[in-house]
Amino acid sequence: MQATRQAPAPAVRRQDLLDEAARHAASAEGAAALGEIESAAQLILLSLDCERRAGSVGPQVLQLIKPRA
């Protein structure tokens, strides 16, 4: 029998994405200090993407609203 792997809990996934965003931001700061503007810009966009995805982890509002029967 094959074990199924469950997705991490939303809070864990959110924190992982925020940690990844922080790593990208730190790398962007280092690249900017070295004058690598294009690389810094790409890392900033990656950081912002991670922050955006962290905000959408978990149940959405529409999934929490129960329709009246």
Protein backbone atom coordinates (compact mmCIF):
# COMPACT_ATOMS: atom_id res chain seq x y z
CA MET A 1 0.00 0.00 0.00
CA GLN A 2 1.27 3.43 -0.89
CA ALA A 3 1.15 6.19 1.72
CA THR A 4 -0.52 9.37 0.60
CA ARG A 5 1.22 12.61 1.32
CA GLN A 6 -0.99 15.33 2.68
CA ALA A 7 -0.52 18.99 1.90
CA PRO A 8 0.88 21.02 4.79
CA ALA A 9 -1.56 22.88 7.01
CA PRO A 10 -2.49 26.35 5.72
CA ALA A 11 -0.63 28.09 8.56
CA VAL A 12 2.53 26.12 7.80
CA ARG A 13 2.24 26.75 4.06
CA ARG A 14 1.65 30.47 4.67
CA GLN A 15 4.73 30.70 6.91
CA ASP A 16 6.83 28.79 4.36
CA LEU A 17 5.82 31.29 1.66
CA LEU A 18 6.59 34.25 3.90
CA ASP A 19 9.98 32.76 4.76
CA GLU A 20 10.68 32.28 1.06
CA ALA A 21 9.64 35.88 0.40
CA ALA A 22 12.06 37.09 3.08
CA ARG A 23 14.90 35.07 1.52
CA HIS A 24 14.18 36.56 -1.90
CA ALA A 25 14.06 40.07 -0.42
CA ALA A 26 17.41 39.58 1.32
CA SER A 27 18.94 38.25 -1.89
CA ALA A 28 17.52 41.23 -3.78
CA GLU A 29 19.10 43.61 -1.29
CA GLY A 30 22.46 41.91 -1.76
CA ALA A 31 22.17 41.99 -5.54
CA ALA A 32 21.23 45.68 -5.47
CA ALA A 33 24.23 46.44 -3.27
CA LEU A 34 26.44 44.78 -5.88
CA GLY A 35 24.82 46.84 -8.64
CA GLU A 36 23.00 43.88 -10.21
CA ILE A 37 19.79 45.80 -10.78
CA GLU A 38 18.11 43.34 -13.13
CA SER A 39 18.75 40.43 -10.79
CA ALA A 40 17.51 42.48 -7.82
CA ALA A 41 14.33 43.37 -9.70
CA GLN A 42 13.63 39.73 -10.51
CA LEU A 43 14.16 38.74 -6.87
CA ILE A 44 11.83 41.50 -5.70
CA LEU A 45 9.14 40.21 -8.05
CA LEU A 46 9.63 36.68 -6.71
CA SER A 47 9.32 38.01 -3.16
CA LEU A 48 6.11 39.87 -3.98
CA ASP A 49 4.70 36.76 -5.66
CA CYS A 50 5.38 34.69 -2.54
CA GLU A 51 3.67 37.32 -0.38
CA ARG A 52 0.67 37.34 -2.72
CA ARG A 53 0.40 33.55 -2.61
CA ALA A 54 0.73 33.55 1.19
CA GLY A 55 -2.28 35.83 1.38
CA SER A 56 -4.44 33.39 -0.53
CA VAL A 57 -3.56 30.24 1.43
CA GLY A 58 -6.42 28.61 3.28
CA PRO A 59 -10.15 28.70 2.81
CA GLN A 60 -11.58 31.55 0.83
CA VAL A 61 -14.44 33.67 2.13
CA LEU A 62 -16.91 32.31 -0.40
CA GLN A 63 -16.14 28.78 0.75
CA LEU A 64 -17.05 29.71 4.33
CA ILE A 65 -20.46 31.19 3.51
CA LYS A 66 -23.19 28.56 3.64
CA PRO A 67 -26.03 29.06 1.15
CA ARG A 68 -29.52 29.16 2.57
CA ALA A 69 -31.54 26.16 1.55
